[in-house]
Amino acid sequence: MMRLVKTVCAVLFALQLSACGVLVVGGMVGGATILADRRTPAVQAIDLGVEIEANSQLSKKFGDSAHIVVVSFNQKVLLIGEAKDDTIKTQA
């Protein structure tokens, strides 16, 4: 019985460690991305917010009629994608 308890504890501990590895690597990648970018963290956050909001609005407005991706850098926006016709391109 004691051996079973130890085995279960070891498995649970190993599962917890695997999650830690993912978090550590994710944190390192995220930190490196912020450090490598010349923009301030505040501007990066604003750009991310602009991208999320614009992508959401464009998706709601055009649905399957267009595939548009919004990229924001230093609060300047670039629209990339394809649309079924020129009116959709103009509206976007």
Protein backbone atom coordinates (compact mmCIF):
# COMPACT_ATOMS: atom_id res chain seq x y z
CA MET A 1 0.00 0.00 0.00
CA MET A 2 2.80 2.40 0.87
CA ARG A 3 4.45 1.70 -2.48
CA LEU A 4 1.23 2.66 -4.29
CA VAL A 5 1.03 5.94 -2.39
CA LYS A 6 4.65 6.75 -3.25
CA THR A 7 4.06 5.92 -6.92
CA VAL A 8 0.96 8.12 -7.10
CA CYS A 9 2.82 10.97 -5.39
CA ALA A 10 5.75 10.60 -7.78
CA VAL A 11 3.45 10.69 -10.82
CA LEU A 12 1.60 13.75 -9.53
CA PHE A 13 4.90 15.47 -8.76
CA ALA A 14 6.22 14.70 -12.25
CA LEU A 15 3.06 16.13 -13.82
CA GLN A 16 3.51 19.33 -11.84
CA LEU A 17 7.12 19.63 -12.96
CA SER A 18 6.16 19.28 -16.60
CA ALA A 19 3.85 22.28 -16.26
CA CYS A 20 6.64 24.27 -14.62
CA GLY A 21 8.89 23.67 -17.60
CA VAL A 22 6.29 25.06 -19.97
CA LEU A 23 5.80 28.12 -17.77
CA VAL A 24 9.54 28.74 -17.45
CA VAL A 25 10.15 28.46 -21.19
CA GLY A 26 7.11 30.62 -21.94
CA GLY A 27 8.29 33.25 -19.49
CA MET A 28 11.78 33.27 -20.97
CA VAL A 29 10.45 33.63 -24.52
CA GLY A 30 8.04 36.39 -23.47
CA GLY A 31 10.78 38.22 -21.58
CA ALA A 32 13.20 37.92 -24.48
CA THR A 33 10.56 39.24 -26.87
CA ILE A 34 9.94 42.30 -24.71
CA LEU A 35 13.66 42.95 -24.26
CA ALA A 36 14.46 42.54 -27.97
CA ASP A 37 11.73 44.97 -29.04
CA ARG A 38 12.70 48.65 -29.15
CA ARG A 39 9.19 49.74 -28.23
CA THR A 40 8.35 50.36 -24.60
CA PRO A 41 6.17 47.74 -22.89
CA ALA A 42 3.35 50.32 -22.75
CA VAL A 43 3.44 50.85 -26.52
CA GLN A 44 3.62 47.08 -27.06
CA ALA A 45 0.49 46.68 -24.93
CA ILE A 46 -1.32 49.43 -26.86
CA ASP A 47 -0.34 47.84 -30.18
CA LEU A 48 -1.59 44.45 -29.00
CA GLY A 49 -4.88 45.98 -27.89
CA VAL A 50 -5.31 47.72 -31.25
CA GLU A 51 -4.63 44.46 -33.11
CA ILE A 52 -7.09 42.46 -31.01
CA GLU A 53 -9.87 45.05 -31.25
CA ALA A 54 -9.42 45.71 -34.98
CA ASN A 55 -9.25 41.99 -35.84
CA SER A 56 -12.43 41.42 -33.85
CA GLN A 57 -14.32 44.30 -35.48
CA LEU A 58 -13.23 43.33 -39.00
CA SER A 59 -14.20 39.72 -38.41
CA LYS A 60 -17.65 40.77 -37.16
CA LYS A 61 -18.20 43.18 -40.04
CA PHE A 62 -17.02 41.09 -42.97
CA GLY A 63 -17.25 37.49 -41.75
CA ASP A 64 -16.26 35.10 -44.53
CA SER A 65 -16.27 37.83 -47.20
CA ALA A 66 -12.73 38.86 -46.32
CA HIS A 67 -9.68 37.52 -44.55
CA ILE A 68 -7.91 40.53 -43.03
CA VAL A 69 -5.14 40.53 -40.43
CA VAL A 70 -4.25 43.69 -38.55
CA VAL A 71 -0.64 44.37 -37.56
CA SER A 72 0.12 47.35 -35.32
CA PHE A 73 3.62 48.71 -34.69
CA ASN A 74 4.25 51.99 -32.85
CA GLN A 75 0.53 52.70 -33.09
CA LYS A 76 0.60 52.51 -36.90
CA VAL A 77 -1.68 49.90 -38.48
CA LEU A 78 -1.09 47.66 -41.48
CA LEU A 79 -3.96 45.65 -42.95
CA ILE A 80 -2.96 42.42 -44.67
CA GLY A 81 -5.29 40.02 -46.41
CA GLU A 82 -7.72 39.40 -49.20
CA ALA A 83 -11.28 40.47 -49.97
CA LYS A 84 -13.92 39.32 -52.43
CA ASP A 85 -14.29 42.75 -54.07
CA ASP A 86 -12.99 46.32 -54.04
CA THR A 87 -15.85 47.69 -51.94
CA ILE A 88 -14.83 45.47 -49.03
CA LYS A 89 -11.22 46.59 -49.44
CA THR A 90 -12.31 50.23 -49.38
CA GLN A 91 -14.51 49.73 -46.31
CA ALA A 92 -11.75 47.97 -44.41
